[in-house]
C-alpha atoms as a PDB file:
ATOM      1  CA  MET A   1     -82.375-192.474-147.009  1.00  0.00           C
ATOM      2  CA  GLY A   2     -83.445-191.467-150.508  1.00  0.00           C
ATOM      3  CA  TYR A   3     -84.399-193.195-153.736  1.00  0.00           C
ATOM      4  CA  VAL A   4     -83.470-191.491-157.021  1.00  0.00           C
ATOM      5  CA  ILE A   5     -85.799-191.913-159.986  1.00  0.00           C
ATOM      6  CA  THR A   6     -87.043-189.303-162.464  1.00  0.00           C
ATOM      7  CA  SER A   7     -89.650-191.078-164.536  1.00  0.00           C
ATOM      8  CA  THR A   8     -91.866-194.153-164.747  1.00  0.00           C
ATOM      9  CA  PHE A   9     -91.959-194.505-160.973  1.00  0.00           C
ATOM     10  CA  LEU A  10     -95.725-194.853-160.524  1.00  0.00           C
ATOM     11  CA  MET A  11     -95.760-198.628-160.833  1.00  0.00           C
ATOM     12  CA  MET A  12     -93.107-198.751-158.081  1.00  0.00           C
ATOM     13  CA  LEU A  13     -94.577-196.084-155.806  1.00  0.00           C
ATOM     14  CA  ASP A  14     -95.973-198.409-153.144  1.00  0.00           C
ATOM     15  CA  ILE A  15     -92.778-200.465-153.147  1.00  0.00           C
ATOM     16  CA  ILE A  16     -90.710-197.307-152.682  1.00  0.00           C
ATOM     17  CA  LEU A  17     -92.963-196.161-149.834  1.00  0.00           C
ATOM     18  CA  ASP A  18     -92.836-199.584-148.120  1.00  0.00           C
ATOM     19  CA  SER A  19     -89.078-200.011-148.515  1.00  0.00           C
ATOM     20  CA  GLY A  20     -87.995-197.590-145.805  1.00  0.00           C
ATOM     21  CA  PHE A  21     -86.895-194.722-148.049  1.00  0.00           C
ATOM     22  CA  ASP A  22     -87.612-191.293-146.586  1.00  0.00           C
ATOM     23  CA  VAL A  23     -87.439-189.247-149.766  1.00  0.00           C
ATOM     24  CA  LEU A  24     -88.106-189.688-153.491  1.00  0.00           C
ATOM     25  CA  ILE A  25     -85.420-187.670-155.278  1.00  0.00           C
ATOM     26  CA  GLY A  26     -85.759-186.469-158.854  1.00  0.00           C
ATOM     27  CA  LEU A  27     -89.483-186.216-159.418  1.00  0.00           C
ATOM     28  CA  ASP A  28     -89.427-184.640-162.886  1.00  0.00           C
ATOM     29  CA  PRO A  29     -92.521-182.768-164.090  1.00  0.00           C
ATOM     30  CA  ILE A  30     -91.556-183.265-167.738  1.00  0.00           C
ATOM     31  CA  GLU A  31     -90.223-186.829-167.669  1.00  0.00           C
ATOM     32  CA  GLY A  32     -92.759-187.972-165.071  1.00  0.00           C
ATOM     33  CA  ASN A  33     -94.895-189.593-167.764  1.00  0.00           C
ATOM     34  CA  GLY A  34     -98.156-188.024-166.642  1.00  0.00           C
ATOM     35  CA  ALA A  35     -97.773-188.779-162.954  1.00  0.00           C
ATOM     36  CA  ASN A  36    -100.681-187.366-160.977  1.00  0.00           C
ATOM     37  CA  LEU A  37     -98.714-185.296-158.492  1.00  0.00           C
ATOM     38  CA  GLU A  38    -101.722-184.780-156.219  1.00  0.00           C
ATOM     39  CA  ASN A  39    -102.026-188.550-155.692  1.00  0.00           C
ATOM     40  CA  VAL A  40     -98.266-188.960-155.258  1.00  0.00           C
ATOM     41  CA  LYS A  41     -98.217-186.128-152.701  1.00  0.00           C
ATOM     42  CA  LYS A  42    -101.136-187.631-150.735  1.00  0.00           C
ATOM     43  CA  LYS A  43     -99.430-191.025-150.572  1.00  0.00           C
ATOM     44  CA  PHE A  44     -96.129-189.509-149.488  1.00  0.00           C
ATOM     45  CA  GLN A  45     -97.748-187.218-146.934  1.00  0.00           C
ATOM     46  CA  SER A  46     -99.788-190.020-145.380  1.00  0.00           C
ATOM     47  CA  ASN A  47     -96.572-192.048-145.035  1.00  0.00           C
ATOM     48  CA  ARG A  48     -94.596-189.057-143.673  1.00  0.00           C
ATOM     49  CA  LYS A  49     -92.203-189.151-146.641  1.00  0.00           C
ATOM     50  CA  THR A  50     -90.703-186.343-148.738  1.00  0.00           C
ATOM     51  CA  ILE A  51     -90.642-185.441-152.429  1.00  0.00           C
ATOM     52  CA  TRP A  52     -87.472-183.716-153.694  1.00  0.00           C
ATOM     53  CA  GLY A  53     -87.072-182.065-157.112  1.00  0.00           C
ATOM     54  CA  ARG A  54     -89.700-180.749-159.558  1.00  0.00           C
ATOM     55  CA  VAL A  55     -87.661-178.401-161.807  1.00  0.00           C
ATOM     56  CA  SER A  56     -86.156-179.832-165.002  1.00  0.00           C
ATOM     57  CA  GLU A  57     -82.572-178.585-165.093  1.00  0.00           C
ATOM     58  CA  SER A  58     -81.900-179.385-168.735  1.00  0.00           C
ATOM     59  CA  ILE A  59     -85.088-177.928-170.208  1.00  0.00           C
ATOM     60  CA  LYS A  60     -85.929-175.060-167.845  1.00  0.00           C
ATOM     61  CA  VAL A  61     -82.637-174.005-166.239  1.00  0.00           C
ATOM     62  CA  GLU A  62     -79.868-174.817-168.718  1.00  0.00           C
ATOM     63  CA  ASN A  63     -81.800-174.156-171.939  1.00  0.00           C
ATOM     64  CA  GLY A  64     -84.784-172.047-170.899  1.00  0.00           C
ATOM     65  CA  SER A  65     -85.267-168.347-170.319  1.00  0.00           C
ATOM     66  CA  LYS A  66     -85.500-166.617-166.941  1.00  0.00           C
ATOM     67  CA  ARG A  67     -89.270-166.606-167.414  1.00  0.00           C
ATOM     68  CA  ASP A  68     -89.271-170.371-168.185  1.00  0.00           C
ATOM     69  CA  THR A  69     -87.383-171.012-164.958  1.00  0.00           C
ATOM     70  CA  GLU A  70     -89.649-168.726-162.947  1.00  0.00           C
ATOM     71  CA  LYS A  71     -92.774-170.432-164.307  1.00  0.00           C
ATOM     72  CA  ALA A  72     -91.276-173.878-163.592  1.00  0.00           C
ATOM     73  CA  VAL A  73     -90.606-172.944-159.968  1.00  0.00           C
ATOM     74  CA  ILE A  74     -94.070-171.469-159.460  1.00  0.00           C
ATOM     75  CA  GLU A  75     -95.657-174.584-160.982  1.00  0.00           C
ATOM     76  CA  ALA A  76     -93.390-176.859-158.936  1.00  0.00           C
ATOM     77  CA  LEU A  77     -94.549-175.229-155.715  1.00  0.00           C
ATOM     78  CA  LYS A  78     -98.306-175.393-156.361  1.00  0.00           C
ATOM     79  CA  ILE A  79     -99.151-178.973-155.416  1.00  0.00           C
ATOM     80  CA  PRO A  80     -96.425-180.448-153.223  1.00  0.00           C
ATOM     81  CA  THR A  81     -95.757-177.489-150.925  1.00  0.00           C
ATOM     82  CA  PRO A  82     -98.935-177.321-148.777  1.00  0.00           C
ATOM     83  CA  GLY A  83     -98.601-179.550-145.735  1.00  0.00           C
ATOM     84  CA  GLY A  84     -94.829-179.959-145.985  1.00  0.00           C
ATOM     85  CA  GLY A  85     -92.867-182.926-147.239  1.00  0.00           C
ATOM     86  CA  PHE A  86     -91.377-181.172-150.256  1.00  0.00           C
ATOM     87  CA  MET A  87     -87.876-179.945-151.119  1.00  0.00           C
ATOM     88  CA  LEU A  88     -87.566-177.772-154.232  1.00  0.00           C
ATOM     89  CA  SER A  89     -84.548-178.413-156.437  1.00  0.00           C
ATOM     90  CA  CYS A  90     -83.539-179.244-159.947  1.00  0.00           C
ATOM     91  CA  VAL A  91     -84.196-182.844-160.842  1.00  0.00           C
ATOM     92  CA  ASP A  92     -80.569-183.507-161.716  1.00  0.00           C
ATOM     93  CA  ASN A  93     -77.455-181.376-161.474  1.00  0.00           C
ATOM     94  CA  VAL A  94     -77.073-178.204-163.490  1.00  0.00           C
ATOM     95  CA  SER A  95     -73.872-178.972-165.359  1.00  0.00           C
ATOM     96  CA  ASP A  96     -73.794-176.308-168.081  1.00  0.00           C
ATOM     97  CA  ASN A  97     -71.309-173.573-167.254  1.00  0.00           C
ATOM     98  CA  THR A  98     -73.028-170.914-169.363  1.00  0.00           C
ATOM     99  CA  GLU A  99     -74.354-167.450-168.604  1.00  0.00           C
ATOM    100  CA  ASN A 100     -77.874-168.696-169.209  1.00  0.00           C
ATOM    101  CA  ALA A 101     -77.535-171.607-166.775  1.00  0.00           C
ATOM    102  CA  TRP A 102     -76.032-169.352-164.094  1.00  0.00           C
ATOM    103  CA  ARG A 103     -78.714-166.683-164.601  1.00  0.00           C
ATOM    104  CA  ASN A 104     -81.512-169.248-164.383  1.00  0.00           C
ATOM    105  CA  THR A 105     -79.984-171.016-161.387  1.00  0.00           C
ATOM    106  CA  TYR A 106     -79.922-167.693-159.589  1.00  0.00           C
ATOM    107  CA  LYS A 107     -83.526-167.085-160.672  1.00  0.00           C
ATOM    108  CA  LEU A 108     -84.537-170.461-159.250  1.00  0.00           C
ATOM    109  CA  THR A 109     -83.117-169.559-155.847  1.00  0.00           C
ATOM    110  CA  GLU A 110     -84.536-166.046-155.806  1.00  0.00           C
ATOM    111  CA  ILE A 111     -88.222-166.914-156.217  1.00  0.00           C
END
């Protein structure tokens, strides 16, 4: 069972972890309001929970360049990947049907 929240989740982190949710969906690196991902990852790992997200679809995929998307994926993988408990995806759905969004979505999956 997952809980969807993209920002201002730190004050609720322990409640989310204690509530029985298995995954926090939508952890946004841009809208995360300075969340210390290392601390979040440690808490989730010690509770055998998963983080899902980490790439801003609107800023990096829909409106960014291929290089912006590539850098976002590389950055997204740095902290949460070691030790498991992480699923890479866009924070929300990519809804733009543009060449740029398609190109960057492909780039996201190719890295």
